Amino acid sequence: MQDDNDILLKAVGKVISKVRKQKGLKFTIFCYENDISKTTLYMIEKGKNKAYMTSLLKIIGALGITFEEFGRMLDEELPENFMIREE
């Protein structure tokens, strides 16, 4: 069973990848034009690497979306009741 951290990382990556592809932004060109390491973006999109807040904000900005929009998309991607714990 996946832990919450893995679920969150995969959801973040999926949202970033989905938005990038919907906007027709090619991976290599997107990285080059926005000074983002290809390895970093690849690992984030695959849900294998935690994104530092500065990197995440840079990627979100380069995608042309707000942090609020990203948060809404992320919320839609996460399972219902994600991280809600019963005492």
C-alpha atoms as a PDB file:
ATOM      1  CA  MET A   1       0.000   0.000   0.000  1.00  0.00           C
ATOM      2  CA  GLN A   2       1.260   3.466  -0.870  1.00  0.00           C
ATOM      3  CA  ASP A   3       1.876   5.901   1.918  1.00  0.00           C
ATOM      4  CA  ASP A   4       0.520   9.453   1.819  1.00  0.00           C
ATOM      5  CA  ASN A   5       3.871  10.889   0.744  1.00  0.00           C
ATOM      6  CA  ASP A   6       4.013   8.648  -2.354  1.00  0.00           C
ATOM      7  CA  ILE A   7       0.423   9.463  -3.243  1.00  0.00           C
ATOM      8  CA  LEU A   8       1.097  13.184  -2.929  1.00  0.00           C
ATOM      9  CA  LEU A   9       4.305  13.051  -4.995  1.00  0.00           C
ATOM     10  CA  LYS A  10       2.571  11.150  -7.795  1.00  0.00           C
ATOM     11  CA  ALA A  11      -0.380  13.559  -7.788  1.00  0.00           C
ATOM     12  CA  VAL A  12       1.923  16.618  -7.965  1.00  0.00           C
ATOM     13  CA  GLY A  13       3.797  15.059 -10.873  1.00  0.00           C
ATOM     14  CA  LYS A  14       0.624  14.091 -12.684  1.00  0.00           C
ATOM     15  CA  VAL A  15      -0.813  17.610 -12.440  1.00  0.00           C
ATOM     16  CA  ILE A  16       2.403  19.214 -13.697  1.00  0.00           C
ATOM     17  CA  SER A  17       2.722  16.740 -16.567  1.00  0.00           C
ATOM     18  CA  LYS A  18      -0.952  17.079 -17.513  1.00  0.00           C
ATOM     19  CA  VAL A  19      -0.869  20.892 -17.610  1.00  0.00           C
ATOM     20  CA  ARG A  20       2.397  20.935 -19.563  1.00  0.00           C
ATOM     21  CA  LYS A  21       1.021  18.525 -22.160  1.00  0.00           C
ATOM     22  CA  GLN A  22      -2.371  20.288 -22.394  1.00  0.00           C
ATOM     23  CA  LYS A  23      -0.531  23.508 -23.188  1.00  0.00           C
ATOM     24  CA  GLY A  24       1.538  21.731 -25.844  1.00  0.00           C
ATOM     25  CA  LEU A  25       4.812  22.421 -24.055  1.00  0.00           C
ATOM     26  CA  LYS A  26       7.498  19.953 -25.142  1.00  0.00           C
ATOM     27  CA  PHE A  27       9.527  18.584 -22.238  1.00  0.00           C
ATOM     28  CA  THR A  28      13.046  19.524 -23.379  1.00  0.00           C
ATOM     29  CA  ILE A  29      12.080  22.933 -24.729  1.00  0.00           C
ATOM     30  CA  PHE A  30      10.083  23.732 -21.585  1.00  0.00           C
ATOM     31  CA  CYS A  31      13.087  22.881 -19.416  1.00  0.00           C
ATOM     32  CA  TYR A  32      15.491  24.882 -21.575  1.00  0.00           C
ATOM     33  CA  GLU A  33      13.299  27.985 -21.854  1.00  0.00           C
ATOM     34  CA  ASN A  34      12.603  28.047 -18.112  1.00  0.00           C
ATOM     35  CA  ASP A  35      16.041  27.034 -16.826  1.00  0.00           C
ATOM     36  CA  ILE A  36      14.703  23.884 -15.196  1.00  0.00           C
ATOM     37  CA  SER A  37      16.851  20.771 -15.014  1.00  0.00           C
ATOM     38  CA  LYS A  38      15.477  17.973 -17.189  1.00  0.00           C
ATOM     39  CA  THR A  39      16.333  15.481 -14.471  1.00  0.00           C
ATOM     40  CA  THR A  40      14.463  17.508 -11.860  1.00  0.00           C
ATOM     41  CA  LEU A  41      11.329  17.890 -13.971  1.00  0.00           C
ATOM     42  CA  TYR A  42      11.422  14.244 -15.042  1.00  0.00           C
ATOM     43  CA  MET A  43      11.688  13.025 -11.459  1.00  0.00           C
ATOM     44  CA  ILE A  44       8.915  15.366 -10.292  1.00  0.00           C
ATOM     45  CA  GLU A  45       6.573  14.392 -13.136  1.00  0.00           C
ATOM     46  CA  LYS A  46       7.172  10.699 -12.393  1.00  0.00           C
ATOM     47  CA  GLY A  47       6.447  11.226  -8.689  1.00  0.00           C
ATOM     48  CA  LYS A  48       9.909  10.063  -7.701  1.00  0.00           C
ATOM     49  CA  ASN A  49      11.296  13.283  -6.278  1.00  0.00           C
ATOM     50  CA  LYS A  50      10.092  15.823  -3.763  1.00  0.00           C
ATOM     51  CA  ALA A  51       9.838  19.261  -5.292  1.00  0.00           C
ATOM     52  CA  TYR A  52      11.353  22.054  -3.285  1.00  0.00           C
ATOM     53  CA  MET A  53       8.935  24.930  -2.952  1.00  0.00           C
ATOM     54  CA  THR A  54      11.162  27.206  -5.047  1.00  0.00           C
ATOM     55  CA  SER A  55      11.292  24.633  -7.861  1.00  0.00           C
ATOM     56  CA  LEU A  56       7.572  23.995  -7.635  1.00  0.00           C
ATOM     57  CA  LEU A  57       6.741  27.701  -7.798  1.00  0.00           C
ATOM     58  CA  LYS A  58       9.111  28.136 -10.740  1.00  0.00           C
ATOM     59  CA  ILE A  59       7.486  25.250 -12.632  1.00  0.00           C
ATOM     60  CA  ILE A  60       3.960  26.417 -11.841  1.00  0.00           C
ATOM     61  CA  GLY A  61       4.811  29.942 -12.986  1.00  0.00           C
ATOM     62  CA  ALA A  62       6.396  28.620 -16.181  1.00  0.00           C
ATOM     63  CA  LEU A  63       3.207  26.670 -16.855  1.00  0.00           C
ATOM     64  CA  GLY A  64       1.272  29.931 -16.653  1.00  0.00           C
ATOM     65  CA  ILE A  65      -0.977  28.901 -13.787  1.00  0.00           C
ATOM     66  CA  THR A  66      -1.371  30.296 -10.303  1.00  0.00           C
ATOM     67  CA  PHE A  67      -0.564  28.408  -7.128  1.00  0.00           C
ATOM     68  CA  GLU A  68      -4.286  28.491  -6.356  1.00  0.00           C
ATOM     69  CA  GLU A  69      -5.114  26.847  -9.711  1.00  0.00           C
ATOM     70  CA  PHE A  70      -2.417  24.249  -9.093  1.00  0.00           C
ATOM     71  CA  GLY A  71      -3.868  23.564  -5.639  1.00  0.00           C
ATOM     72  CA  ARG A  72      -7.352  23.023  -7.075  1.00  0.00           C
ATOM     73  CA  MET A  73      -6.020  20.632  -9.720  1.00  0.00           C
ATOM     74  CA  LEU A  74      -3.971  18.793  -7.101  1.00  0.00           C
ATOM     75  CA  ASP A  75      -7.016  18.475  -4.856  1.00  0.00           C
ATOM     76  CA  GLU A  76      -8.952  16.934  -7.761  1.00  0.00           C
ATOM     77  CA  GLU A  77      -6.122  14.465  -8.392  1.00  0.00           C
ATOM     78  CA  LEU A  78      -5.816  13.278  -4.797  1.00  0.00           C
ATOM     79  CA  PRO A  79      -8.073  10.556  -3.420  1.00  0.00           C
ATOM     80  CA  GLU A  80     -11.144  11.659  -1.501  1.00  0.00           C
ATOM     81  CA  ASN A  81     -10.416  12.321   2.183  1.00  0.00           C
ATOM     82  CA  PHE A  82      -6.669  12.359   1.539  1.00  0.00           C
ATOM     83  CA  MET A  83      -4.717  12.702   4.784  1.00  0.00           C
ATOM     84  CA  ILE A  84      -7.830  12.990   6.942  1.00  0.00           C
ATOM     85  CA  ARG A  85      -7.123  10.997  10.082  1.00  0.00           C
ATOM     86  CA  GLU A  86      -9.556   9.779  12.646  1.00  0.00           C
ATOM     87  CA  GLU A  87      -8.395  10.290  16.214  1.00  0.00           C
END
